[in-house]
C-alpha cells in the first residue's frame, strides 16, 4: 500500500484562537448539508449512466447491508465500484470542482448561519463526518473550519484509490475517538450538532447538543 495522508486535524486556527480553546463540532451530511455529500459526489462524478450501472453492481452489497447493518462496509463497496484506481490529484481536483458547483445547493442556510455565529466566539470549529475527508475538504476550507475529521481513503503505491478506507468509518463512537485523538483526551466540546444515530456519542460528550436543529433548505 502507498503512503496515506493522516486524518485531517488543524486546518489553520482562526486568528486569536488558542490551541486549547473548546471545540464546537458539526456533523456534515444532513446537518450542514441537505443530503449526503458523498453519494451526490459519486453520482455527479460518474454521470447518470455509469452511476446507474454501478448501483446495479452494488445490489448484492445493498442486500447484505440489510443483515450486517454496517454502513462502513457498504460505503467501502461504493468506493471500490466508483473510485478504485482514481489518482489522488485527479480526485482532489474533482472534489474542488464539485464543491464550487454545488455548495450553494447543498449547504443549509441556517446551519451556515449558526457556524458563522460560532466563528465570532473563542472556539475551534470542527467538522466530524463519516464521509471521506477528501470529498469534504473543499467545503471545510470554504467554511474556514479549524479542523476536519472524517473517513480516510486508502491509496496504493501509485497514489491511486485502492478501493478501501485506511481508517474506521467515522461514525458513532468513532467520532469521539477522533475528537480525542485530535484534541486530547480531555477535549472540551462546547457544542455539537448532528442529525442521526451515528452522531449520538458525539452529542453526548457536548455541553450543548443540537439534534436535527437545522431545517433550512437552499
C-alpha atoms as a PDB file:
ATOM      1  CA  UNK A   1       0.000   0.000   0.000  1.00  0.00           C
ATOM      2  CA  UNK A   2       1.143   3.538  -0.670  1.00  0.00           C
ATOM      3  CA  UNK A   3       1.595   6.436   1.677  1.00  0.00           C
ATOM      4  CA  UNK A   4      -1.735   7.536   3.173  1.00  0.00           C
ATOM      5  CA  UNK A   5      -2.493  11.024   4.340  1.00  0.00           C
ATOM      6  CA  UNK A   6      -3.126  11.179   8.101  1.00  0.00           C
ATOM      7  CA  UNK A   7      -6.537  12.230   9.335  1.00  0.00           C
ATOM      8  CA  UNK A   8      -7.007  15.953   8.782  1.00  0.00           C
ATOM      9  CA  UNK A   9      -6.637  17.847  12.030  1.00  0.00           C
ATOM     10  CA  UNK A  10      -5.900  21.522  12.438  1.00  0.00           C
ATOM     11  CA  UNK A  11      -6.604  23.338   9.189  1.00  0.00           C
ATOM     12  CA  UNK A  12      -5.402  26.719  10.388  1.00  0.00           C
ATOM     13  CA  UNK A  13      -6.835  28.182  13.567  1.00  0.00           C
ATOM     14  CA  UNK A  14      -8.619  31.493  13.275  1.00  0.00           C
ATOM     15  CA  UNK A  15      -6.550  34.459  14.404  1.00  0.00           C
ATOM     16  CA  UNK A  16      -6.533  34.826  18.171  1.00  0.00           C
ATOM     17  CA  UNK A  17      -7.989  31.377  18.909  1.00  0.00           C
ATOM     18  CA  UNK A  18      -5.900  29.420  21.393  1.00  0.00           C
ATOM     19  CA  UNK A  19      -4.983  25.860  20.515  1.00  0.00           C
ATOM     20  CA  UNK A  20      -6.649  24.691  23.752  1.00  0.00           C
ATOM     21  CA  UNK A  21      -9.918  26.514  23.071  1.00  0.00           C
ATOM     22  CA  UNK A  22     -13.114  24.453  23.356  1.00  0.00           C
ATOM     23  CA  UNK A  23     -14.422  22.675  20.283  1.00  0.00           C
ATOM     24  CA  UNK A  24     -17.744  23.148  18.509  1.00  0.00           C
ATOM     25  CA  UNK A  25     -18.333  20.026  16.409  1.00  0.00           C
ATOM     26  CA  UNK A  26     -20.627  19.826  13.394  1.00  0.00           C
ATOM     27  CA  UNK A  27     -21.631  16.666  11.584  1.00  0.00           C
ATOM     28  CA  UNK A  28     -21.603  17.345   7.838  1.00  0.00           C
ATOM     29  CA  UNK A  29     -24.132  15.266   5.881  1.00  0.00           C
ATOM     30  CA  UNK A  30     -27.699  16.121   6.823  1.00  0.00           C
ATOM     31  CA  UNK A  31     -26.553  18.685   9.380  1.00  0.00           C
ATOM     32  CA  UNK A  32     -24.555  21.263   7.466  1.00  0.00           C
ATOM     33  CA  UNK A  33     -25.953  19.882   4.202  1.00  0.00           C
ATOM     34  CA  UNK A  34     -29.399  18.894   2.974  1.00  0.00           C
ATOM     35  CA  UNK A  35     -28.306  15.443   1.771  1.00  0.00           C
ATOM     36  CA  UNK A  36     -25.427  13.006   1.694  1.00  0.00           C
ATOM     37  CA  UNK A  37     -22.465  14.699   0.012  1.00  0.00           C
ATOM     38  CA  UNK A  38     -20.548  11.516  -0.819  1.00  0.00           C
ATOM     39  CA  UNK A  39     -23.472   9.955  -2.694  1.00  0.00           C
ATOM     40  CA  UNK A  40     -24.027  13.243  -4.539  1.00  0.00           C
ATOM     41  CA  UNK A  41     -20.326  13.406  -5.410  1.00  0.00           C
ATOM     42  CA  UNK A  42     -20.247   9.844  -6.745  1.00  0.00           C
ATOM     43  CA  UNK A  43     -23.366  10.426  -8.853  1.00  0.00           C
ATOM     44  CA  UNK A  44     -22.028  13.699 -10.284  1.00  0.00           C
ATOM     45  CA  UNK A  45     -18.573  12.305 -10.999  1.00  0.00           C
ATOM     46  CA  UNK A  46     -19.790   9.074 -12.596  1.00  0.00           C
ATOM     47  CA  UNK A  47     -22.582  10.547 -14.689  1.00  0.00           C
ATOM     48  CA  UNK A  48     -26.116   9.136 -14.894  1.00  0.00           C
ATOM     49  CA  UNK A  49     -25.422   6.031 -16.986  1.00  0.00           C
ATOM     50  CA  UNK A  50     -22.261   4.918 -15.179  1.00  0.00           C
ATOM     51  CA  UNK A  51     -23.879   5.639 -11.825  1.00  0.00           C
ATOM     52  CA  UNK A  52     -26.966   3.551 -12.644  1.00  0.00           C
ATOM     53  CA  UNK A  53     -24.795   0.639 -13.792  1.00  0.00           C
ATOM     54  CA  UNK A  54     -22.719   0.937 -10.643  1.00  0.00           C
ATOM     55  CA  UNK A  55     -25.802   0.770  -8.450  1.00  0.00           C
ATOM     56  CA  UNK A  56     -26.834  -2.454 -10.187  1.00  0.00           C
ATOM     57  CA  UNK A  57     -23.427  -3.961  -9.418  1.00  0.00           C
ATOM     58  CA  UNK A  58     -23.789  -2.845  -5.801  1.00  0.00           C
ATOM     59  CA  UNK A  59     -27.137  -4.616  -5.383  1.00  0.00           C
ATOM     60  CA  UNK A  60     -25.604  -7.638  -3.566  1.00  0.00           C
ATOM     61  CA  UNK A  61     -23.852  -5.301  -1.126  1.00  0.00           C
ATOM     62  CA  UNK A  62     -27.129  -3.470  -0.543  1.00  0.00           C
ATOM     63  CA  UNK A  63     -28.886  -6.758   0.234  1.00  0.00           C
ATOM     64  CA  UNK A  64     -26.078  -7.810   2.569  1.00  0.00           C
ATOM     65  CA  UNK A  65     -26.408  -4.494   4.413  1.00  0.00           C
ATOM     66  CA  UNK A  66     -29.939  -5.479   5.452  1.00  0.00           C
ATOM     67  CA  UNK A  67     -28.308  -8.184   7.590  1.00  0.00           C
ATOM     68  CA  UNK A  68     -24.995  -6.733   8.818  1.00  0.00           C
ATOM     69  CA  UNK A  69     -26.125  -3.060   9.082  1.00  0.00           C
ATOM     70  CA  UNK A  70     -22.509  -1.931   8.718  1.00  0.00           C
ATOM     71  CA  UNK A  71     -22.518   1.403   6.887  1.00  0.00           C
ATOM     72  CA  UNK A  72     -18.752   1.280   6.575  1.00  0.00           C
ATOM     73  CA  UNK A  73     -18.897  -1.933   4.547  1.00  0.00           C
ATOM     74  CA  UNK A  74     -21.445  -0.676   2.046  1.00  0.00           C
ATOM     75  CA  UNK A  75     -19.580   2.635   1.721  1.00  0.00           C
ATOM     76  CA  UNK A  76     -16.336   0.738   1.055  1.00  0.00           C
ATOM     77  CA  UNK A  77     -18.144  -1.230  -1.646  1.00  0.00           C
ATOM     78  CA  UNK A  78     -19.165   2.059  -3.278  1.00  0.00           C
ATOM     79  CA  UNK A  79     -15.557   3.241  -3.170  1.00  0.00           C
ATOM     80  CA  UNK A  80     -14.406   0.062  -4.913  1.00  0.00           C
ATOM     81  CA  UNK A  81     -17.078   0.394  -7.579  1.00  0.00           C
ATOM     82  CA  UNK A  82     -16.804   4.097  -8.365  1.00  0.00           C
ATOM     83  CA  UNK A  83     -13.370   5.304  -7.263  1.00  0.00           C
ATOM     84  CA  UNK A  84     -10.878   2.433  -7.357  1.00  0.00           C
ATOM     85  CA  UNK A  85      -7.869   3.383  -9.465  1.00  0.00           C
ATOM     86  CA  UNK A  86      -8.556   7.117  -9.439  1.00  0.00           C
ATOM     87  CA  UNK A  87      -5.377   9.197  -8.984  1.00  0.00           C
ATOM     88  CA  UNK A  88      -5.349  11.261  -5.794  1.00  0.00           C
ATOM     89  CA  UNK A  89      -4.643  14.512  -7.650  1.00  0.00           C
ATOM     90  CA  UNK A  90      -7.494  13.982 -10.098  1.00  0.00           C
ATOM     91  CA  UNK A  91      -9.888  13.123  -7.305  1.00  0.00           C
ATOM     92  CA  UNK A  92      -8.891  16.203  -5.298  1.00  0.00           C
ATOM     93  CA  UNK A  93      -9.484  18.374  -8.364  1.00  0.00           C
ATOM     94  CA  UNK A  94     -12.884  16.745  -8.888  1.00  0.00           C
ATOM     95  CA  UNK A  95     -13.772  17.376  -5.224  1.00  0.00           C
ATOM     96  CA  UNK A  96     -12.874  21.060  -5.573  1.00  0.00           C
ATOM     97  CA  UNK A  97     -14.983  21.376  -8.701  1.00  0.00           C
ATOM     98  CA  UNK A  98     -17.887  19.584  -7.023  1.00  0.00           C
ATOM     99  CA  UNK A  99     -17.793  21.929  -4.024  1.00  0.00           C
ATOM    100  CA  UNK A 100     -17.558  25.019  -6.208  1.00  0.00           C
ATOM    101  CA  UNK A 101     -20.533  23.896  -8.252  1.00  0.00           C
ATOM    102  CA  UNK A 102     -22.813  22.537  -5.524  1.00  0.00           C
ATOM    103  CA  UNK A 103     -22.001  24.250  -2.227  1.00  0.00           C
ATOM    104  CA  UNK A 104     -24.882  26.705  -2.631  1.00  0.00           C
ATOM    105  CA  UNK A 105     -27.404  23.920  -3.247  1.00  0.00           C
ATOM    106  CA  UNK A 106     -26.036  21.575  -0.572  1.00  0.00           C
ATOM    107  CA  UNK A 107     -25.371  23.768   2.471  1.00  0.00           C
ATOM    108  CA  UNK A 108     -28.239  24.568   4.815  1.00  0.00           C
ATOM    109  CA  UNK A 109     -28.504  28.346   5.262  1.00  0.00           C
ATOM    110  CA  UNK A 110     -29.493  28.113   8.946  1.00  0.00           C
ATOM    111  CA  UNK A 111     -26.604  25.742   9.668  1.00  0.00           C
ATOM    112  CA  UNK A 112     -24.197  28.060   7.872  1.00  0.00           C
ATOM    113  CA  UNK A 113     -25.568  30.985   9.903  1.00  0.00           C
ATOM    114  CA  UNK A 114     -25.000  29.064  13.160  1.00  0.00           C
ATOM    115  CA  UNK A 115     -21.479  28.245  12.021  1.00  0.00           C
ATOM    116  CA  UNK A 116     -20.861  31.939  11.332  1.00  0.00           C
ATOM    117  CA  UNK A 117     -22.170  32.909  14.784  1.00  0.00           C
ATOM    118  CA  UNK A 118     -19.821  30.451  16.457  1.00  0.00           C
ATOM    119  CA  UNK A 119     -16.966  31.841  14.362  1.00  0.00           C
ATOM    120  CA  UNK A 120     -17.169  35.043  16.452  1.00  0.00           C
ATOM    121  CA  UNK A 121     -16.600  33.031  19.660  1.00  0.00           C
ATOM    122  CA  UNK A 122     -13.234  31.798  21.045  1.00  0.00           C
ATOM    123  CA  UNK A 123     -13.817  28.205  19.889  1.00  0.00           C
ATOM    124  CA  UNK A 124     -12.400  25.783  17.367  1.00  0.00           C
ATOM    125  CA  UNK A 125     -14.929  24.885  14.672  1.00  0.00           C
ATOM    126  CA  UNK A 126     -14.592  21.265  13.603  1.00  0.00           C
ATOM    127  CA  UNK A 127     -16.403  19.145  11.025  1.00  0.00           C
ATOM    128  CA  UNK A 128     -16.693  15.484  12.100  1.00  0.00           C
ATOM    129  CA  UNK A 129     -18.047  13.341   9.284  1.00  0.00           C
ATOM    130  CA  UNK A 130     -18.367   9.770   8.098  1.00  0.00           C
ATOM    131  CA  UNK A 131     -17.794  10.937   4.523  1.00  0.00           C
ATOM    132  CA  UNK A 132     -14.295  10.789   3.019  1.00  0.00           C
ATOM    133  CA  UNK A 133     -12.249  13.797   4.090  1.00  0.00           C
ATOM    134  CA  UNK A 134     -11.005  14.223   0.526  1.00  0.00           C
ATOM    135  CA  UNK A 135     -14.556  14.963  -0.636  1.00  0.00           C
ATOM    136  CA  UNK A 136     -15.491  17.224   2.285  1.00  0.00           C
ATOM    137  CA  UNK A 137     -12.179  19.123   2.440  1.00  0.00           C
ATOM    138  CA  UNK A 138     -13.091  21.829  -0.114  1.00  0.00           C
ATOM    139  CA  UNK A 139     -16.301  22.578   1.816  1.00  0.00           C
ATOM    140  CA  UNK A 140     -14.333  22.714   5.079  1.00  0.00           C
ATOM    141  CA  UNK A 141     -11.866  25.171   3.575  1.00  0.00           C
ATOM    142  CA  UNK A 142     -14.700  27.304   2.232  1.00  0.00           C
ATOM    143  CA  UNK A 143     -16.309  27.454   5.670  1.00  0.00           C
ATOM    144  CA  UNK A 144     -12.990  28.223   7.341  1.00  0.00           C
ATOM    145  CA  UNK A 145     -13.055  25.102   9.510  1.00  0.00           C
ATOM    146  CA  UNK A 146     -10.281  24.776  12.053  1.00  0.00           C
ATOM    147  CA  UNK A 147     -10.207  21.022  11.531  1.00  0.00           C
ATOM    148  CA  UNK A 148     -11.817  18.249   9.521  1.00  0.00           C
ATOM    149  CA  UNK A 149     -12.124  14.727  10.921  1.00  0.00           C
ATOM    150  CA  UNK A 150     -13.564  12.006   8.723  1.00  0.00           C
ATOM    151  CA  UNK A 151     -13.069   8.701   6.975  1.00  0.00           C
ATOM    152  CA  UNK A 152      -9.788   8.406   5.061  1.00  0.00           C
ATOM    153  CA  UNK A 153      -9.462   6.758   1.657  1.00  0.00           C
ATOM    154  CA  UNK A 154      -6.623   4.274   1.190  1.00  0.00           C
ATOM    155  CA  UNK A 155      -4.191   4.802  -1.689  1.00  0.00           C
ATOM    156  CA  UNK A 156      -1.822   2.348  -3.360  1.00  0.00           C
ATOM    157  CA  UNK A 157       1.878   2.794  -4.147  1.00  0.00           C
ATOM    158  CA  UNK A 158       0.968   4.757  -7.297  1.00  0.00           C
ATOM    159  CA  UNK A 159      -1.159   7.161  -5.242  1.00  0.00           C
ATOM    160  CA  UNK A 160      -4.384   5.798  -6.688  1.00  0.00           C
ATOM    161  CA  UNK A 161      -7.506   4.876  -4.735  1.00  0.00           C
ATOM    162  CA  UNK A 162      -7.038   1.330  -3.512  1.00  0.00           C
ATOM    163  CA  UNK A 163     -10.756   0.672  -3.203  1.00  0.00           C
ATOM    164  CA  UNK A 164     -10.933   0.740   0.587  1.00  0.00           C
ATOM    165  CA  UNK A 165     -10.548   3.009   3.604  1.00  0.00           C
ATOM    166  CA  UNK A 166      -7.394   3.415   5.684  1.00  0.00           C
ATOM    167  CA  UNK A 167      -9.329   4.313   8.857  1.00  0.00           C
ATOM    168  CA  UNK A 168     -12.512   3.086  10.537  1.00  0.00           C
ATOM    169  CA  UNK A 169     -15.762   4.672   9.394  1.00  0.00           C
ATOM    170  CA  UNK A 170     -16.008   7.961  11.306  1.00  0.00           C
ATOM    171  CA  UNK A 171     -19.439   7.323  12.761  1.00  0.00           C
ATOM    172  CA  UNK A 172     -20.894   6.630  16.204  1.00  0.00           C
ATOM    173  CA  UNK A 173     -18.236   6.062  18.911  1.00  0.00           C
ATOM    174  CA  UNK A 174     -15.516   6.627  16.308  1.00  0.00           C
ATOM    175  CA  UNK A 175     -16.401  10.328  16.231  1.00  0.00           C
ATOM    176  CA  UNK A 176     -15.492  10.585  19.915  1.00  0.00           C
ATOM    177  CA  UNK A 177     -12.263   8.656  19.276  1.00  0.00           C
ATOM    178  CA  UNK A 178     -11.293  11.073  16.509  1.00  0.00           C
ATOM    179  CA  UNK A 179     -12.039  14.158  18.579  1.00  0.00           C
ATOM    180  CA  UNK A 180      -9.935  12.874  21.474  1.00  0.00           C
ATOM    181  CA  UNK A 181      -7.116  11.781  19.171  1.00  0.00           C
ATOM    182  CA  UNK A 182      -7.060  15.205  17.532  1.00  0.00           C
ATOM    183  CA  UNK A 183      -7.508  17.442  20.573  1.00  0.00           C
ATOM    184  CA  UNK A 184      -6.568  15.311  23.560  1.00  0.00           C
ATOM    185  CA  UNK A 185      -8.458  13.027  25.957  1.00  0.00           C
ATOM    186  CA  UNK A 186      -9.752  15.989  27.960  1.00  0.00           C
ATOM    187  CA  UNK A 187     -11.076  17.935  24.984  1.00  0.00           C
ATOM    188  CA  UNK A 188     -13.961  20.229  25.887  1.00  0.00           C
ATOM    189  CA  UNK A 189     -16.780  20.070  23.341  1.00  0.00           C
ATOM    190  CA  UNK A 190     -18.780  23.208  23.986  1.00  0.00           C
ATOM    191  CA  UNK A 191     -21.472  22.294  21.478  1.00  0.00           C
ATOM    192  CA  UNK A 192     -22.144  19.567  18.921  1.00  0.00           C
ATOM    193  CA  UNK A 193     -24.675  19.255  16.129  1.00  0.00           C
ATOM    194  CA  UNK A 194     -25.886  16.122  14.362  1.00  0.00           C
ATOM    195  CA  UNK A 195     -28.888  14.500  12.737  1.00  0.00           C
ATOM    196  CA  UNK A 196     -28.590  10.700  13.021  1.00  0.00           C
ATOM    197  CA  UNK A 197     -27.912   7.857  15.443  1.00  0.00           C
ATOM    198  CA  UNK A 198     -24.340   7.995  14.224  1.00  0.00           C
ATOM    199  CA  UNK A 199     -23.905  11.354  15.989  1.00  0.00           C
ATOM    200  CA  UNK A 200     -25.268  10.285  19.371  1.00  0.00           C
ATOM    201  CA  UNK A 201     -21.963   9.686  21.163  1.00  0.00           C
ATOM    202  CA  UNK A 202     -20.550  12.984  19.922  1.00  0.00           C
ATOM    203  CA  UNK A 203     -23.674  14.825  21.086  1.00  0.00           C
ATOM    204  CA  UNK A 204     -23.491  13.144  24.494  1.00  0.00           C
ATOM    205  CA  UNK A 205     -19.986  14.492  25.131  1.00  0.00           C
ATOM    206  CA  UNK A 206     -21.009  18.087  24.363  1.00  0.00           C
ATOM    207  CA  UNK A 207     -22.090  20.718  26.870  1.00  0.00           C
ATOM    208  CA  UNK A 208     -24.831  21.735  24.428  1.00  0.00           C
ATOM    209  CA  UNK A 209     -26.265  19.201  21.975  1.00  0.00           C
ATOM    210  CA  UNK A 210     -28.227  20.147  18.886  1.00  0.00           C
ATOM    211  CA  UNK A 211     -30.055  17.225  17.317  1.00  0.00           C
ATOM    212  CA  UNK A 212     -31.773  17.944  13.979  1.00  0.00           C
ATOM    213  CA  UNK A 213     -31.990  21.630  14.823  1.00  0.00           C
ATOM    214  CA  UNK A 214     -31.232  22.772  11.272  1.00  0.00           C
ATOM    215  CA  UNK A 215     -34.113  22.509   8.824  1.00  0.00           C
ATOM    216  CA  UNK A 216     -33.294  25.157   6.222  1.00  0.00           C
ATOM    217  CA  UNK A 217     -33.057  24.427   2.516  1.00  0.00           C
ATOM    218  CA  UNK A 218     -31.160  26.476  -0.071  1.00  0.00           C
END
